[in-house]
Amino acid sequence: MDDAEIIRQVLAGQHHRYADLVQRYQEPLIHFLRRILNSDEDILDCAQEAFVAVYRNLNRYSQDQPFRAWLYAIARNKAIDIVRKRQREITVVLDETLEDLRPRPEEIWFEKEQASYLAKILNELPAHYAQALFLRYHQDMSYTEIATVLQVPVSRVKTYLHRGKEKLRQELERRDIHERDGRRYLGSTISG
């Protein structure tokens, strides 16, 4: 059953049908939120808040845009609010007890070694490039859906994707050259 039909049924009083939408989008939404938030607790809280907000505002949903994009846009806004709140709460203490805020390996969406290497590089890209690339190539969203999620025009989505792929290519080339040079250096040291 498509999203529009489920929404129609929920709005007609079959509120239990909303669980179908939650089940359909919960896992992909959590993967998307991992691109923005670092803490599993924040990710799960944000996803839950987004689903509640969507449910409360379901009568405002317009079928002019895909439901998934509308949900992701709401979740992204809530995630940005959490990031801003956390930034205000953080007091900078420079010592060894600081937690490493980079994503943990199990949070990387690729399971293979080569894919996790690519994911690490993606994490180092500016957030708008990484989010656009993730939504396009991992969530298989259209330009229009991505524009809705990121709240930018479609032309900017195309720019983000083009520049993001270019930065990714440059970084892969730079790292490949650096690693090959490093191996040659190690090889000459060992044999010498």
Protein backbone atom coordinates (compact mmCIF):
# COMPACT_ATOMS: atom_id res chain seq x y z
CA MET A 1 0.00 0.00 0.00
CA ASP A 2 1.40 3.40 -0.90
CA ASP A 3 2.04 6.22 1.57
CA ALA A 4 -0.86 8.37 0.34
CA GLU A 5 -3.38 5.59 1.00
CA ILE A 6 -2.03 4.95 4.49
CA ILE A 7 -2.17 8.68 5.25
CA ARG A 8 -5.75 8.85 3.96
CA GLN A 9 -6.70 5.97 6.26
CA VAL A 10 -5.00 7.55 9.28
CA LEU A 11 -6.76 10.85 8.65
CA ALA A 12 -10.05 8.94 8.32
CA GLY A 13 -9.65 7.63 11.86
CA GLN A 14 -7.63 4.44 11.44
CA HIS A 15 -4.80 5.80 13.60
CA HIS A 16 -3.20 2.37 14.04
CA ARG A 17 -2.19 2.49 10.34
CA TYR A 18 0.42 5.15 11.17
CA ALA A 19 2.56 2.31 12.52
CA ASP A 20 2.91 1.11 8.91
CA LEU A 21 4.60 4.39 7.97
CA VAL A 22 6.84 4.26 11.04
CA GLN A 23 7.86 0.70 10.23
CA ARG A 24 8.51 1.58 6.59
CA TYR A 25 10.72 4.61 7.28
CA GLN A 26 12.20 4.12 10.75
CA GLU A 27 15.40 2.33 9.77
CA PRO A 28 16.26 4.48 6.70
CA LEU A 29 15.53 7.63 8.73
CA ILE A 30 17.87 6.49 11.51
CA HIS A 31 20.63 5.87 8.94
CA PHE A 32 20.09 9.37 7.58
CA LEU A 33 20.20 10.92 11.06
CA ARG A 34 23.55 9.23 11.70
CA ARG A 35 24.97 11.65 9.12
CA ILE A 36 23.99 14.57 11.38
CA LEU A 37 24.03 13.33 14.98
CA ASN A 38 26.76 11.45 16.84
CA SER A 39 24.94 9.88 19.75
CA ASP A 40 22.67 6.85 19.36
CA GLU A 41 20.46 8.32 22.06
CA ASP A 42 20.11 11.61 20.14
CA ILE A 43 19.45 9.73 16.89
CA LEU A 44 16.66 7.62 18.38
CA ASP A 45 15.16 10.60 20.22
CA CYS A 46 15.23 12.69 17.07
CA ALA A 47 13.60 9.97 14.98
CA GLN A 48 10.88 9.54 17.57
CA GLU A 49 10.27 13.30 17.79
CA ALA A 50 10.07 13.49 14.00
CA PHE A 51 7.51 10.69 13.79
CA VAL A 52 5.43 12.31 16.54
CA ALA A 53 5.61 15.73 14.82
CA VAL A 54 4.62 14.20 11.49
CA TYR A 55 1.69 12.38 13.11
CA ARG A 56 0.46 15.56 14.80
CA ASN A 57 0.72 17.51 11.54
CA LEU A 58 -0.43 14.81 9.13
CA ASN A 59 -3.44 16.91 8.16
CA ARG A 60 -0.99 19.55 6.84
CA TYR A 61 0.83 17.11 4.58
CA SER A 62 0.53 17.98 0.91
CA GLN A 63 0.75 15.19 -1.63
CA ASP A 64 2.62 17.61 -3.90
CA GLN A 65 5.78 16.25 -2.33
CA PRO A 66 6.74 12.69 -1.41
CA PHE A 67 5.93 11.75 2.18
CA ARG A 68 9.47 10.45 2.72
CA ALA A 69 10.97 13.82 1.81
CA TRP A 70 8.55 15.63 4.13
CA LEU A 71 9.43 13.26 6.99
CA TYR A 72 13.17 13.63 6.38
CA ALA A 73 12.91 17.43 6.26
CA ILE A 74 11.16 17.47 9.63
CA ALA A 75 13.71 15.05 11.09
CA ARG A 76 16.62 17.06 9.70
CA ASN A 77 15.28 20.25 11.29
CA LYS A 78 14.90 18.48 14.63
CA ALA A 79 18.45 17.08 14.31
CA ILE A 80 19.84 20.55 13.60
CA ASP A 81 18.03 21.81 16.72
CA ILE A 82 19.66 19.04 18.76
CA VAL A 83 23.11 19.88 17.34
CA ARG A 84 22.62 23.56 18.21
CA LYS A 85 21.46 22.67 21.71
CA ARG A 86 24.44 20.37 22.24
CA GLN A 87 26.85 23.04 21.03
CA ARG A 88 25.47 25.45 23.62
CA GLU A 89 25.77 22.78 26.34
CA ILE A 90 29.33 21.73 25.56
CA THR A 91 32.05 23.29 27.63
CA VAL A 92 35.42 22.89 26.05
CA VAL A 93 37.74 20.90 28.27
CA LEU A 94 41.01 19.91 26.67
CA ASP A 95 42.16 16.72 28.30
CA GLU A 96 42.37 12.99 27.62
CA THR A 97 38.83 12.35 28.92
CA LEU A 98 37.19 13.93 25.87
CA GLU A 99 35.13 11.44 23.91
CA ASP A 100 36.00 10.95 20.26
CA LEU A 101 32.94 12.32 18.45
CA ARG A 102 33.71 10.76 15.08
CA PRO A 103 31.25 8.09 14.03
CA ARG A 104 32.03 4.66 15.41
CA PRO A 105 32.83 1.93 12.87
CA GLU A 106 29.49 0.21 13.43
CA GLU A 107 27.76 3.43 12.42
CA ILE A 108 29.35 3.44 9.00
CA TRP A 109 26.76 2.25 6.51
CA PHE A 110 29.18 0.23 4.42
CA GLU A 111 30.14 -3.18 5.71
CA LYS A 112 33.07 -3.93 3.44
CA GLU A 113 36.54 -2.54 4.08
CA GLN A 114 36.67 -0.53 0.86
CA ALA A 115 33.21 0.91 1.48
CA SER A 116 34.06 1.96 5.04
CA TYR A 117 37.13 3.75 3.69
CA LEU A 118 34.83 5.66 1.35
CA ALA A 119 32.42 6.39 4.19
CA LYS A 120 35.25 7.85 6.27
CA ILE A 121 36.09 10.23 3.47
CA LEU A 122 32.41 11.12 3.05
CA ASN A 123 32.28 12.01 6.75
CA GLU A 124 35.04 14.52 6.20
CA LEU A 125 33.15 16.32 3.45
CA PRO A 126 31.10 19.40 4.32
CA ALA A 127 27.78 18.27 5.81
CA HIS A 128 25.57 19.49 2.95
CA TYR A 129 27.64 17.56 0.37
CA ALA A 130 27.72 14.39 2.49
CA GLN A 131 23.98 14.56 3.19
CA ALA A 132 23.12 15.12 -0.47
CA LEU A 133 25.36 12.22 -1.58
CA PHE A 134 23.94 9.95 1.13
CA LEU A 135 20.34 10.73 0.24
CA ARG A 136 20.96 10.27 -3.49
CA TYR A 137 23.12 7.16 -3.53
CA HIS A 138 22.22 5.38 -0.30
CA GLN A 139 18.58 6.38 0.15
CA ASP A 140 17.94 6.56 -3.62
CA MET A 141 16.08 9.88 -3.36
CA SER A 142 15.27 12.06 -6.34
CA TYR A 143 16.66 15.58 -6.69
CA THR A 144 13.25 16.95 -5.71
CA GLU A 145 13.11 14.82 -2.56
CA ILE A 146 16.63 15.84 -1.58
CA ALA A 147 15.73 19.49 -2.16
CA THR A 148 12.79 19.08 0.19
CA VAL A 149 14.90 17.38 2.87
CA LEU A 150 17.75 19.89 2.70
CA GLN A 151 15.35 22.81 2.15
CA VAL A 152 17.22 24.16 -0.85
CA PRO A 153 16.32 24.54 -4.54
CA VAL A 154 16.83 21.56 -6.87
CA SER A 155 19.60 23.50 -8.64
CA ARG A 156 21.54 23.66 -5.38
CA VAL A 157 21.07 19.91 -4.87
CA LYS A 158 22.65 19.34 -8.27
CA THR A 159 25.51 21.63 -7.28
CA TYR A 160 25.97 19.81 -3.96
CA LEU A 161 26.06 16.45 -5.71
CA HIS A 162 28.45 17.62 -8.42
CA ARG A 163 30.83 19.37 -6.01
CA GLY A 164 30.52 16.60 -3.44
CA LYS A 165 31.51 13.96 -6.01
CA GLU A 166 34.39 16.16 -7.19
CA LYS A 167 35.69 16.68 -3.64
CA LEU A 168 35.32 12.96 -3.02
CA ARG A 169 37.28 12.14 -6.19
CA GLN A 170 40.05 14.61 -5.28
CA GLU A 171 40.32 13.24 -1.76
CA LEU A 172 40.46 9.64 -3.00
CA GLU A 173 43.21 10.55 -5.46
CA ARG A 174 45.14 12.46 -2.79
CA ARG A 175 44.94 9.59 -0.31
CA ASP A 176 45.83 7.00 -2.94
CA ILE A 177 48.98 8.90 -3.88
CA HIS A 178 49.88 9.43 -0.21
CA GLU A 179 49.41 5.75 0.64
CA ARG A 180 51.39 4.56 -2.37
CA ASP A 181 54.21 6.93 -1.45
CA GLY A 182 54.07 5.66 2.13
CA ARG A 183 54.32 2.03 1.03
CA ARG A 184 57.29 2.81 -1.20
CA TYR A 185 58.98 4.59 1.69
CA LEU A 186 58.38 1.67 4.02
CA GLY A 187 59.55 -0.78 1.38
CA SER A 188 62.80 1.08 0.75
CA THR A 189 63.47 1.34 4.50
CA ILE A 190 62.91 -2.35 5.08
CA SER A 191 65.00 -3.50 2.13
CA GLY A 192 67.77 -0.97 2.80
